[in-house]
């Protein structure tokens, strides 16, 4: 993760630890315009299904965030879903979305 800033490495670490703590398939974290961070895993209930990144964005919105500086998704999956990118763009038009492997290795950035 050497090409990332310390703050960007932090949200990947938060997403990783949230994923590991719960045993979830994916973990996510976002950072708002004030530097506050929100981490989450996916929600898979019979009546409610949200990805980890959607939950993290919703947590930021419900806490009063008006913009996102960056987002991170840690998963064994192949990429970031278009719906996840759209959720980030709804709040942070310019926020990069970092995709990291379960070990924290940066795999790609959606810009």
PDB file of N, CA and C in Angstrom:
ATOM      1  N   UNK A   1       0.816  -1.194   0.000  1.00  0.00           N
ATOM      2  CA  UNK A   1       0.000   0.000   0.000  1.00  0.00           C
ATOM      3  C   UNK A   1       0.861   1.260   0.000  1.00  0.00           C
ATOM      4  N   UNK A   2       2.096   1.169  -0.438  1.00  0.00           N
ATOM      5  CA  UNK A   2       3.026   2.274  -0.308  1.00  0.00           C
ATOM      6  C   UNK A   2       2.626   3.524  -1.081  1.00  0.00           C
ATOM      7  N   UNK A   3       1.856   3.398  -2.174  1.00  0.00           N
ATOM      8  CA  UNK A   3       1.462   4.573  -2.937  1.00  0.00           C
ATOM      9  C   UNK A   3       0.283   5.324  -2.321  1.00  0.00           C
ATOM     10  N   UNK A   4      -0.244   4.817  -1.238  1.00  0.00           N
ATOM     11  CA  UNK A   4      -1.373   5.452  -0.564  1.00  0.00           C
ATOM     12  C   UNK A   4      -0.894   6.360   0.560  1.00  0.00           C
ATOM     13  N   UNK A   5      -1.700   7.370   0.857  1.00  0.00           N
ATOM     14  CA  UNK A   5      -1.415   8.211   2.018  1.00  0.00           C
ATOM     15  C   UNK A   5      -1.706   7.418   3.287  1.00  0.00           C
ATOM     16  N   UNK A   6      -1.228   7.911   4.391  1.00  0.00           N
ATOM     17  CA  UNK A   6      -1.490   7.261   5.674  1.00  0.00           C
ATOM     18  C   UNK A   6      -2.974   7.188   5.988  1.00  0.00           C
ATOM     19  N   UNK A   7      -3.711   8.229   5.643  1.00  0.00           N
ATOM     20  CA  UNK A   7      -5.160   8.236   5.880  1.00  0.00           C
ATOM     21  C   UNK A   7      -5.872   7.205   5.014  1.00  0.00           C
ATOM     22  N   UNK A   8      -5.391   7.011   3.784  1.00  0.00           N
ATOM     23  CA  UNK A   8      -5.995   6.005   2.907  1.00  0.00           C
ATOM     24  C   UNK A   8      -5.659   4.603   3.393  1.00  0.00           C
ATOM     25  N   UNK A   9      -4.445   4.401   3.863  1.00  0.00           N
ATOM     26  CA  UNK A   9      -4.084   3.107   4.443  1.00  0.00           C
ATOM     27  C   UNK A   9      -4.960   2.808   5.657  1.00  0.00           C
ATOM     28  N   UNK A  10      -5.286   3.854   6.419  1.00  0.00           N
ATOM     29  CA  UNK A  10      -6.106   3.683   7.619  1.00  0.00           C
ATOM     30  C   UNK A  10      -7.496   3.137   7.275  1.00  0.00           C
ATOM     31  N   UNK A  11      -8.133   3.654   6.216  1.00  0.00           N
ATOM     32  CA  UNK A  11      -9.482   3.146   5.930  1.00  0.00           C
ATOM     33  C   UNK A  11      -9.442   1.725   5.383  1.00  0.00           C
ATOM     34  N   UNK A  12      -8.356   1.361   4.707  1.00  0.00           N
ATOM     35  CA  UNK A  12      -8.221  -0.038   4.281  1.00  0.00           C
ATOM     36  C   UNK A  12      -8.045  -0.921   5.517  1.00  0.00           C
ATOM     37  N   UNK A  13      -7.244  -0.483   6.461  1.00  0.00           N
ATOM     38  CA  UNK A  13      -7.054  -1.243   7.708  1.00  0.00           C
ATOM     39  C   UNK A  13      -8.369  -1.368   8.472  1.00  0.00           C
ATOM     40  N   UNK A  14      -9.152  -0.288   8.542  1.00  0.00           N
ATOM     41  CA  UNK A  14     -10.458  -0.351   9.209  1.00  0.00           C
ATOM     42  C   UNK A  14     -11.386  -1.344   8.523  1.00  0.00           C
ATOM     43  N   UNK A  15     -11.425  -1.298   7.205  1.00  0.00           N
ATOM     44  CA  UNK A  15     -12.280  -2.230   6.452  1.00  0.00           C
ATOM     45  C   UNK A  15     -11.832  -3.666   6.674  1.00  0.00           C
ATOM     46  N   UNK A  16     -10.529  -3.878   6.672  1.00  0.00           N
ATOM     47  CA  UNK A  16      -9.972  -5.218   6.914  1.00  0.00           C
ATOM     48  C   UNK A  16     -10.323  -5.741   8.289  1.00  0.00           C
ATOM     49  N   UNK A  17     -10.151  -4.898   9.306  1.00  0.00           N
ATOM     50  CA  UNK A  17     -10.402  -5.355  10.673  1.00  0.00           C
ATOM     51  C   UNK A  17     -11.890  -5.596  10.908  1.00  0.00           C
ATOM     52  N   UNK A  18     -12.738  -4.790  10.328  1.00  0.00           N
ATOM     53  CA  UNK A  18     -14.182  -5.004  10.464  1.00  0.00           C
ATOM     54  C   UNK A  18     -14.575  -6.324   9.818  1.00  0.00           C
ATOM     55  N   UNK A  19     -14.040  -6.589   8.641  1.00  0.00           N
ATOM     56  CA  UNK A  19     -14.313  -7.845   7.934  1.00  0.00           C
ATOM     57  C   UNK A  19     -13.840  -9.035   8.765  1.00  0.00           C
ATOM     58  N   UNK A  20     -12.627  -8.951   9.302  1.00  0.00           N
ATOM     59  CA  UNK A  20     -12.064 -10.054  10.083  1.00  0.00           C
ATOM     60  C   UNK A  20     -12.831 -10.278  11.378  1.00  0.00           C
ATOM     61  N   UNK A  21     -13.209  -9.187  12.038  1.00  0.00           N
ATOM     62  CA  UNK A  21     -13.904  -9.288  13.332  1.00  0.00           C
ATOM     63  C   UNK A  21     -15.237 -10.015  13.202  1.00  0.00           C
ATOM     64  N   UNK A  22     -15.926  -9.795  12.103  1.00  0.00           N
ATOM     65  CA  UNK A  22     -17.251 -10.384  11.934  1.00  0.00           C
ATOM     66  C   UNK A  22     -17.256 -11.642  11.073  1.00  0.00           C
ATOM     67  N   UNK A  23     -16.139 -11.926  10.415  1.00  0.00           N
ATOM     68  CA  UNK A  23     -16.077 -13.084   9.531  1.00  0.00           C
ATOM     69  C   UNK A  23     -16.857 -12.877   8.246  1.00  0.00           C
ATOM     70  N   UNK A  24     -17.094 -11.636   7.887  1.00  0.00           N
ATOM     71  CA  UNK A  24     -17.877 -11.310   6.695  1.00  0.00           C
ATOM     72  C   UNK A  24     -17.053 -11.500   5.423  1.00  0.00           C
ATOM     73  N   UNK A  25     -17.747 -11.628   4.314  1.00  0.00           N
ATOM     74  CA  UNK A  25     -17.087 -11.766   3.018  1.00  0.00           C
ATOM     75  C   UNK A  25     -16.419 -10.469   2.578  1.00  0.00           C
ATOM     76  N   UNK A  26     -16.986  -9.342   3.020  1.00  0.00           N
ATOM     77  CA  UNK A  26     -16.406  -8.058   2.642  1.00  0.00           C
ATOM     78  C   UNK A  26     -16.523  -7.065   3.787  1.00  0.00           C
ATOM     79  N   UNK A  27     -15.583  -6.142   3.816  1.00  0.00           N
ATOM     80  CA  UNK A  27     -15.598  -5.047   4.779  1.00  0.00           C
ATOM     81  C   UNK A  27     -15.349  -3.756   4.027  1.00  0.00           C
ATOM     82  N   UNK A  28     -15.877  -2.672   4.535  1.00  0.00           N
ATOM     83  CA  UNK A  28     -15.702  -1.387   3.866  1.00  0.00           C
ATOM     84  C   UNK A  28     -15.511  -0.288   4.898  1.00  0.00           C
ATOM     85  N   UNK A  29     -14.914   0.803   4.451  1.00  0.00           N
ATOM     86  CA  UNK A  29     -14.774   1.990   5.288  1.00  0.00           C
ATOM     87  C   UNK A  29     -14.778   3.212   4.385  1.00  0.00           C
ATOM     88  N   UNK A  30     -15.298   4.301   4.905  1.00  0.00           N
ATOM     89  CA  UNK A  30     -15.278   5.578   4.193  1.00  0.00           C
ATOM     90  C   UNK A  30     -14.773   6.652   5.146  1.00  0.00           C
ATOM     91  N   UNK A  31     -14.232   7.730   4.557  1.00  0.00           N
ATOM     92  CA  UNK A  31     -13.773   8.885   5.329  1.00  0.00           C
ATOM     93  C   UNK A  31     -14.513  10.108   4.811  1.00  0.00           C
ATOM     94  N   UNK A  32     -15.117  10.864   5.735  1.00  0.00           N
ATOM     95  CA  UNK A  32     -15.881  12.035   5.311  1.00  0.00           C
ATOM     96  C   UNK A  32     -15.008  13.286   5.258  1.00  0.00           C
ATOM     97  N   UNK A  33     -15.632  14.407   4.934  1.00  0.00           N
ATOM     98  CA  UNK A  33     -14.908  15.669   4.736  1.00  0.00           C
ATOM     99  C   UNK A  33     -14.265  16.214   6.005  1.00  0.00           C
ATOM    100  N   UNK A  34     -14.660  15.704   7.150  1.00  0.00           N
ATOM    101  CA  UNK A  34     -14.058  16.162   8.405  1.00  0.00           C
ATOM    102  C   UNK A  34     -13.007  15.182   8.929  1.00  0.00           C
ATOM    103  N   UNK A  35     -12.801  14.082   8.216  1.00  0.00           N
ATOM    104  CA  UNK A  35     -11.833  13.080   8.633  1.00  0.00           C
ATOM    105  C   UNK A  35     -12.417  11.945   9.448  1.00  0.00           C
ATOM    106  N   UNK A  36     -13.722  12.031   9.747  1.00  0.00           N
ATOM    107  CA  UNK A  36     -14.367  10.926  10.480  1.00  0.00           C
ATOM    108  C   UNK A  36     -14.441   9.704   9.573  1.00  0.00           C
ATOM    109  N   UNK A  37     -14.317   8.530  10.179  1.00  0.00           N
ATOM    110  CA  UNK A  37     -14.374   7.287   9.419  1.00  0.00           C
ATOM    111  C   UNK A  37     -15.535   6.428   9.889  1.00  0.00           C
ATOM    112  N   UNK A  38     -16.027   5.639   8.966  1.00  0.00           N
ATOM    113  CA  UNK A  38     -17.147   4.739   9.228  1.00  0.00           C
ATOM    114  C   UNK A  38     -16.804   3.407   8.572  1.00  0.00           C
ATOM    115  N   UNK A  39     -16.900   2.314   9.328  1.00  0.00           N
ATOM    116  CA  UNK A  39     -16.609   1.001   8.764  1.00  0.00           C
ATOM    117  C   UNK A  39     -17.819   0.096   8.931  1.00  0.00           C
ATOM    118  N   UNK A  40     -17.947  -0.861   8.013  1.00  0.00           N
ATOM    119  CA  UNK A  40     -19.132  -1.714   8.010  1.00  0.00           C
ATOM    120  C   UNK A  40     -18.865  -3.015   7.262  1.00  0.00           C
ATOM    121  N   UNK A  41     -19.755  -3.957   7.472  1.00  0.00           N
ATOM    122  CA  UNK A  41     -19.810  -5.172   6.665  1.00  0.00           C
ATOM    123  C   UNK A  41     -21.178  -5.214   6.001  1.00  0.00           C
ATOM    124  N   UNK A  42     -21.351  -6.187   5.142  1.00  0.00           N
ATOM    125  CA  UNK A  42     -22.629  -6.294   4.435  1.00  0.00           C
ATOM    126  C   UNK A  42     -23.756  -6.704   5.381  1.00  0.00           C
ATOM    127  N   UNK A  43     -24.972  -6.371   4.969  1.00  0.00           N
ATOM    128  CA  UNK A  43     -26.189  -6.762   5.689  1.00  0.00           C
ATOM    129  C   UNK A  43     -26.938  -7.717   4.781  1.00  0.00           C
ATOM    130  N   UNK A  44     -27.239  -8.905   5.279  1.00  0.00           N
ATOM    131  CA  UNK A  44     -27.945  -9.900   4.477  1.00  0.00           C
ATOM    132  C   UNK A  44     -29.084 -10.490   5.299  1.00  0.00           C
ATOM    133  N   UNK A  45     -30.171  -9.746   5.348  1.00  0.00           N
ATOM    134  CA  UNK A  45     -31.382 -10.161   6.049  1.00  0.00           C
ATOM    135  C   UNK A  45     -32.452 -10.513   5.024  1.00  0.00           C
ATOM    136  N   UNK A  46     -33.461 -11.266   5.411  1.00  0.00           N
ATOM    137  CA  UNK A  46     -34.515 -11.586   4.454  1.00  0.00           C
ATOM    138  C   UNK A  46     -35.151 -10.343   3.814  1.00  0.00           C
ATOM    139  N   UNK A  47     -35.290  -9.278   4.579  1.00  0.00           N
ATOM    140  CA  UNK A  47     -35.961  -8.090   4.045  1.00  0.00           C
ATOM    141  C   UNK A  47     -35.013  -6.930   3.724  1.00  0.00           C
ATOM    142  N   UNK A  48     -33.705  -7.102   3.943  1.00  0.00           N
ATOM    143  CA  UNK A  48     -32.765  -6.013   3.700  1.00  0.00           C
ATOM    144  C   UNK A  48     -31.406  -6.576   3.301  1.00  0.00           C
ATOM    145  N   UNK A  49     -30.948  -6.195   2.115  1.00  0.00           N
ATOM    146  CA  UNK A  49     -29.640  -6.631   1.630  1.00  0.00           C
ATOM    147  C   UNK A  49     -28.868  -5.408   1.167  1.00  0.00           C
ATOM    148  N   UNK A  50     -27.728  -5.157   1.826  1.00  0.00           N
ATOM    149  CA  UNK A  50     -26.860  -4.041   1.480  1.00  0.00           C
ATOM    150  C   UNK A  50     -25.415  -4.527   1.455  1.00  0.00           C
ATOM    151  N   UNK A  51     -24.642  -3.990   0.538  1.00  0.00           N
ATOM    152  CA  UNK A  51     -23.217  -4.309   0.525  1.00  0.00           C
ATOM    153  C   UNK A  51     -22.524  -3.549   1.648  1.00  0.00           C
ATOM    154  N   UNK A  52     -21.317  -3.963   1.960  1.00  0.00           N
ATOM    155  CA  UNK A  52     -20.557  -3.295   3.019  1.00  0.00           C
ATOM    156  C   UNK A  52     -20.332  -1.818   2.693  1.00  0.00           C
ATOM    157  N   UNK A  53     -20.034  -1.517   1.440  1.00  0.00           N
ATOM    158  CA  UNK A  53     -19.794  -0.123   1.075  1.00  0.00           C
ATOM    159  C   UNK A  53     -21.076   0.698   1.154  1.00  0.00           C
ATOM    160  N   UNK A  54     -22.201   0.120   0.782  1.00  0.00           N
ATOM    161  CA  UNK A  54     -23.476   0.828   0.925  1.00  0.00           C
ATOM    162  C   UNK A  54     -23.779   1.130   2.392  1.00  0.00           C
ATOM    163  N   UNK A  55     -23.503   0.182   3.272  1.00  0.00           N
ATOM    164  CA  UNK A  55     -23.741   0.403   4.704  1.00  0.00           C
ATOM    165  C   UNK A  55     -22.823   1.498   5.231  1.00  0.00           C
ATOM    166  N   UNK A  56     -21.554   1.480   4.847  1.00  0.00           N
ATOM    167  CA  UNK A  56     -20.618   2.504   5.312  1.00  0.00           C
ATOM    168  C   UNK A  56     -21.042   3.897   4.848  1.00  0.00           C
ATOM    169  N   UNK A  57     -21.491   4.007   3.598  1.00  0.00           N
ATOM    170  CA  UNK A  57     -21.974   5.294   3.085  1.00  0.00           C
ATOM    171  C   UNK A  57     -23.222   5.724   3.855  1.00  0.00           C
ATOM    172  N   UNK A  58     -24.136   4.791   4.092  1.00  0.00           N
ATOM    173  CA  UNK A  58     -25.360   5.117   4.843  1.00  0.00           C
ATOM    174  C   UNK A  58     -25.026   5.581   6.258  1.00  0.00           C
ATOM    175  N   UNK A  59     -24.042   4.954   6.895  1.00  0.00           N
ATOM    176  CA  UNK A  59     -23.632   5.379   8.233  1.00  0.00           C
ATOM    177  C   UNK A  59     -23.096   6.812   8.203  1.00  0.00           C
ATOM    178  N   UNK A  60     -22.314   7.128   7.186  1.00  0.00           N
ATOM    179  CA  UNK A  60     -21.775   8.485   7.062  1.00  0.00           C
ATOM    180  C   UNK A  60     -22.903   9.497   6.877  1.00  0.00           C
ATOM    181  N   UNK A  61     -23.843   9.180   5.998  1.00  0.00           N
ATOM    182  CA  UNK A  61     -24.978  10.083   5.744  1.00  0.00           C
ATOM    183  C   UNK A  61     -25.793  10.272   7.015  1.00  0.00           C
ATOM    184  N   UNK A  62     -26.080   9.183   7.709  1.00  0.00           N
ATOM    185  CA  UNK A  62     -26.914   9.291   8.910  1.00  0.00           C
ATOM    186  C   UNK A  62     -26.201   9.993  10.061  1.00  0.00           C
ATOM    187  N   UNK A  63     -24.880  10.145   9.942  1.00  0.00           N
ATOM    188  CA  UNK A  63     -24.118  10.881  10.949  1.00  0.00           C
ATOM    189  C   UNK A  63     -23.895  12.339  10.553  1.00  0.00           C
ATOM    190  N   UNK A  64     -24.446  12.744   9.417  1.00  0.00           N
ATOM    191  CA  UNK A  64     -24.365  14.137   9.005  1.00  0.00           C
ATOM    192  C   UNK A  64     -23.271  14.476   8.016  1.00  0.00           C
ATOM    193  N   UNK A  65     -22.579  13.486   7.485  1.00  0.00           N
ATOM    194  CA  UNK A  65     -21.533  13.769   6.498  1.00  0.00           C
ATOM    195  C   UNK A  65     -22.152  14.400   5.254  1.00  0.00           C
ATOM    196  N   UNK A  66     -21.429  15.351   4.688  1.00  0.00           N
ATOM    197  CA  UNK A  66     -21.899  16.020   3.481  1.00  0.00           C
ATOM    198  C   UNK A  66     -21.045  15.694   2.267  1.00  0.00           C
ATOM    199  N   UNK A  67     -19.895  15.059   2.488  1.00  0.00           N
ATOM    200  CA  UNK A  67     -18.989  14.716   1.403  1.00  0.00           C
ATOM    201  C   UNK A  67     -18.124  13.552   1.859  1.00  0.00           C
ATOM    202  N   UNK A  68     -17.621  12.782   0.907  1.00  0.00           N
ATOM    203  CA  UNK A  68     -16.670  11.721   1.208  1.00  0.00           C
ATOM    204  C   UNK A  68     -15.340  12.044   0.555  1.00  0.00           C
ATOM    205  N   UNK A  69     -14.262  11.810   1.282  1.00  0.00           N
ATOM    206  CA  UNK A  69     -12.919  11.995   0.740  1.00  0.00           C
ATOM    207  C   UNK A  69     -12.398  10.721   0.094  1.00  0.00           C
ATOM    208  N   UNK A  70     -12.767   9.549   0.644  1.00  0.00           N
ATOM    209  CA  UNK A  70     -12.264   8.279   0.125  1.00  0.00           C
ATOM    210  C   UNK A  70     -13.103   7.134   0.662  1.00  0.00           C
ATOM    211  N   UNK A  71     -13.025   6.016  -0.050  1.00  0.00           N
ATOM    212  CA  UNK A  71     -13.735   4.799   0.357  1.00  0.00           C
ATOM    213  C   UNK A  71     -12.823   3.605   0.096  1.00  0.00           C
ATOM    214  N   UNK A  72     -13.019   2.549   0.873  1.00  0.00           N
ATOM    215  CA  UNK A  72     -12.231   1.327   0.690  1.00  0.00           C
ATOM    216  C   UNK A  72     -13.135   0.115   0.826  1.00  0.00           C
ATOM    217  N   UNK A  73     -12.883  -0.872  -0.012  1.00  0.00           N
ATOM    218  CA  UNK A  73     -13.584  -2.144   0.043  1.00  0.00           C
ATOM    219  C   UNK A  73     -12.545  -3.245   0.111  1.00  0.00           C
ATOM    220  N   UNK A  74     -12.662  -4.113   1.117  1.00  0.00           N
ATOM    221  CA  UNK A  74     -11.772  -5.260   1.258  1.00  0.00           C
ATOM    222  C   UNK A  74     -12.609  -6.503   0.999  1.00  0.00           C
ATOM    223  N   UNK A  75     -12.201  -7.269  -0.003  1.00  0.00           N
ATOM    224  CA  UNK A  75     -12.970  -8.434  -0.414  1.00  0.00           C
ATOM    225  C   UNK A  75     -12.091  -9.421  -1.172  1.00  0.00           C
ATOM    226  N   UNK A  76     -12.524 -10.644  -1.195  1.00  0.00           N
ATOM    227  CA  UNK A  76     -11.883 -11.647  -2.026  1.00  0.00           C
ATOM    228  C   UNK A  76     -12.469 -11.642  -3.423  1.00  0.00           C
ATOM    229  N   UNK A  77     -13.497 -10.840  -3.631  1.00  0.00           N
ATOM    230  CA  UNK A  77     -14.161 -10.742  -4.932  1.00  0.00           C
ATOM    231  C   UNK A  77     -13.308 -10.049  -5.978  1.00  0.00           C
ATOM    232  N   UNK A  78     -13.859  -9.993  -7.183  1.00  0.00           N
ATOM    233  CA  UNK A  78     -13.103  -9.504  -8.337  1.00  0.00           C
ATOM    234  C   UNK A  78     -13.056  -7.998  -8.507  1.00  0.00           C
ATOM    235  N   UNK A  79     -14.047  -7.283  -7.990  1.00  0.00           N
ATOM    236  CA  UNK A  79     -14.057  -5.847  -8.232  1.00  0.00           C
ATOM    237  C   UNK A  79     -15.076  -5.133  -7.379  1.00  0.00           C
ATOM    238  N   UNK A  80     -15.220  -3.850  -7.658  1.00  0.00           N
ATOM    239  CA  UNK A  80     -16.192  -3.020  -6.957  1.00  0.00           C
ATOM    240  C   UNK A  80     -17.446  -2.945  -7.832  1.00  0.00           C
ATOM    241  N   UNK A  81     -18.581  -3.315  -7.270  1.00  0.00           N
ATOM    242  CA  UNK A  81     -19.837  -3.288  -8.023  1.00  0.00           C
ATOM    243  C   UNK A  81     -20.216  -1.859  -8.401  1.00  0.00           C
ATOM    244  N   UNK A  82     -20.859  -1.725  -9.530  1.00  0.00           N
ATOM    245  CA  UNK A  82     -21.300  -0.410  -9.991  1.00  0.00           C
ATOM    246  C   UNK A  82     -22.214   0.253  -8.965  1.00  0.00           C
ATOM    247  N   UNK A  83     -23.040  -0.534  -8.279  1.00  0.00           N
ATOM    248  CA  UNK A  83     -23.940   0.035  -7.266  1.00  0.00           C
ATOM    249  C   UNK A  83     -23.156   0.591  -6.074  1.00  0.00           C
ATOM    250  N   UNK A  84     -22.020  -0.014  -5.755  1.00  0.00           N
ATOM    251  CA  UNK A  84     -21.167   0.503  -4.674  1.00  0.00           C
ATOM    252  C   UNK A  84     -20.523   1.822  -5.078  1.00  0.00           C
ATOM    253  N   UNK A  85     -20.017   1.875  -6.290  1.00  0.00           N
ATOM    254  CA  UNK A  85     -19.418   3.116  -6.783  1.00  0.00           C
ATOM    255  C   UNK A  85     -20.479   4.216  -6.823  1.00  0.00           C
ATOM    256  N   UNK A  86     -21.682   3.873  -7.250  1.00  0.00           N
ATOM    257  CA  UNK A  86     -22.772   4.861  -7.310  1.00  0.00           C
ATOM    258  C   UNK A  86     -23.101   5.399  -5.921  1.00  0.00           C
ATOM    259  N   UNK A  87     -23.112   4.534  -4.913  1.00  0.00           N
ATOM    260  CA  UNK A  87     -23.396   4.984  -3.541  1.00  0.00           C
ATOM    261  C   UNK A  87     -22.330   5.966  -3.071  1.00  0.00           C
ATOM    262  N   UNK A  88     -21.072   5.670  -3.355  1.00  0.00           N
ATOM    263  CA  UNK A  88     -19.986   6.587  -2.984  1.00  0.00           C
ATOM    264  C   UNK A  88     -20.139   7.900  -3.743  1.00  0.00           C
ATOM    265  N   UNK A  89     -20.426   7.838  -5.044  1.00  0.00           N
ATOM    266  CA  UNK A  89     -20.560   9.043  -5.869  1.00  0.00           C
ATOM    267  C   UNK A  89     -21.730   9.920  -5.428  1.00  0.00           C
ATOM    268  N   UNK A  90     -22.762   9.322  -4.874  1.00  0.00           N
ATOM    269  CA  UNK A  90     -23.894  10.116  -4.382  1.00  0.00           C
ATOM    270  C   UNK A  90     -23.453  11.123  -3.323  1.00  0.00           C
ATOM    271  N   UNK A  91     -22.445  10.769  -2.564  1.00  0.00           N
ATOM    272  CA  UNK A  91     -21.987  11.633  -1.474  1.00  0.00           C
ATOM    273  C   UNK A  91     -20.628  12.262  -1.764  1.00  0.00           C
ATOM    274  N   UNK A  92     -19.783  11.578  -2.484  1.00  0.00           N
ATOM    275  CA  UNK A  92     -18.440  12.081  -2.769  1.00  0.00           C
ATOM    276  C   UNK A  92     -18.086  11.907  -4.229  1.00  0.00           C
ATOM    277  N   UNK A  93     -18.413  12.896  -5.030  1.00  0.00           N
ATOM    278  CA  UNK A  93     -18.244  12.806  -6.479  1.00  0.00           C
ATOM    279  C   UNK A  93     -16.807  12.517  -6.910  1.00  0.00           C
ATOM    280  N   UNK A  94     -15.836  12.950  -6.116  1.00  0.00           N
ATOM    281  CA  UNK A  94     -14.434  12.774  -6.497  1.00  0.00           C
ATOM    282  C   UNK A  94     -13.691  11.767  -5.624  1.00  0.00           C
ATOM    283  N   UNK A  95     -14.384  11.107  -4.729  1.00  0.00           N
ATOM    284  CA  UNK A  95     -13.726  10.193  -3.790  1.00  0.00           C
ATOM    285  C   UNK A  95     -13.218   8.945  -4.504  1.00  0.00           C
ATOM    286  N   UNK A  96     -11.943   8.622  -4.339  1.00  0.00           N
ATOM    287  CA  UNK A  96     -11.453   7.358  -4.890  1.00  0.00           C
ATOM    288  C   UNK A  96     -12.017   6.188  -4.087  1.00  0.00           C
ATOM    289  N   UNK A  97     -12.229   5.075  -4.770  1.00  0.00           N
ATOM    290  CA  UNK A  97     -12.671   3.846  -4.112  1.00  0.00           C
ATOM    291  C   UNK A  97     -11.529   2.838  -4.254  1.00  0.00           C
ATOM    292  N   UNK A  98     -10.917   2.487  -3.130  1.00  0.00           N
ATOM    293  CA  UNK A  98      -9.805   1.556  -3.126  1.00  0.00           C
ATOM    294  C   UNK A  98     -10.334   0.138  -2.965  1.00  0.00           C
ATOM    295  N   UNK A  99      -9.893  -0.758  -3.825  1.00  0.00           N
ATOM    296  CA  UNK A  99     -10.236  -2.170  -3.714  1.00  0.00           C
ATOM    297  C   UNK A  99      -9.004  -2.897  -3.206  1.00  0.00           C
ATOM    298  N   UNK A 100      -9.153  -3.579  -2.070  1.00  0.00           N
ATOM    299  CA  UNK A 100      -8.028  -4.290  -1.471  1.00  0.00           C
ATOM    300  C   UNK A 100      -8.383  -5.760  -1.265  1.00  0.00           C
ATOM    301  N   UNK A 101      -7.365  -6.581  -1.331  1.00  0.00           N
ATOM    302  CA  UNK A 101      -7.500  -8.010  -1.052  1.00  0.00           C
ATOM    303  C   UNK A 101      -7.649  -8.208   0.456  1.00  0.00           C
ATOM    304  N   UNK A 102      -8.073  -9.390   0.886  1.00  0.00           N
ATOM    305  CA  UNK A 102      -8.226  -9.654   2.323  1.00  0.00           C
ATOM    306  C   UNK A 102      -6.970  -9.391   3.154  1.00  0.00           C
ATOM    307  N   UNK A 103      -5.783  -9.492   2.547  1.00  0.00           N
ATOM    308  CA  UNK A 103      -4.548  -9.216   3.283  1.00  0.00           C
ATOM    309  C   UNK A 103      -4.203  -7.724   3.312  1.00  0.00           C
ATOM    310  N   UNK A 104      -5.050  -6.887   2.700  1.00  0.00           N
ATOM    311  CA  UNK A 104      -4.831  -5.453   2.691  1.00  0.00           C
ATOM    312  C   UNK A 104      -4.083  -4.925   1.490  1.00  0.00           C
ATOM    313  N   UNK A 105      -3.667  -5.809   0.615  1.00  0.00           N
ATOM    314  CA  UNK A 105      -2.943  -5.396  -0.595  1.00  0.00           C
ATOM    315  C   UNK A 105      -3.887  -4.648  -1.529  1.00  0.00           C
ATOM    316  N   UNK A 106      -3.480  -3.450  -1.937  1.00  0.00           N
ATOM    317  CA  UNK A 106      -4.282  -2.669  -2.872  1.00  0.00           C
ATOM    318  C   UNK A 106      -4.297  -3.367  -4.226  1.00  0.00           C
ATOM    319  N   UNK A 107      -5.504  -3.623  -4.738  1.00  0.00           N
ATOM    320  CA  UNK A 107      -5.636  -4.286  -6.036  1.00  0.00           C
ATOM    321  C   UNK A 107      -5.966  -3.301  -7.143  1.00  0.00           C
ATOM    322  N   UNK A 108      -6.777  -2.289  -6.833  1.00  0.00           N
ATOM    323  CA  UNK A 108      -7.106  -1.281  -7.840  1.00  0.00           C
ATOM    324  C   UNK A 108      -7.749  -0.081  -7.155  1.00  0.00           C
ATOM    325  N   UNK A 109      -7.851   0.993  -7.918  1.00  0.00           N
ATOM    326  CA  UNK A 109      -8.507   2.202  -7.460  1.00  0.00           C
ATOM    327  C   UNK A 109      -9.492   2.643  -8.518  1.00  0.00           C
ATOM    328  N   UNK A 110     -10.746   2.860  -8.102  1.00  0.00           N
ATOM    329  CA  UNK A 110     -11.749   3.416  -9.016  1.00  0.00           C
ATOM    330  C   UNK A 110     -11.753   4.897  -8.748  1.00  0.00           C
ATOM    331  N   UNK A 111     -11.390   5.655  -9.748  1.00  0.00           N
ATOM    332  CA  UNK A 111     -11.103   7.022  -9.553  1.00  0.00           C
ATOM    333  C   UNK A 111     -12.075   8.046  -9.579  1.00  0.00           C
TER     334      UNK A 111
END
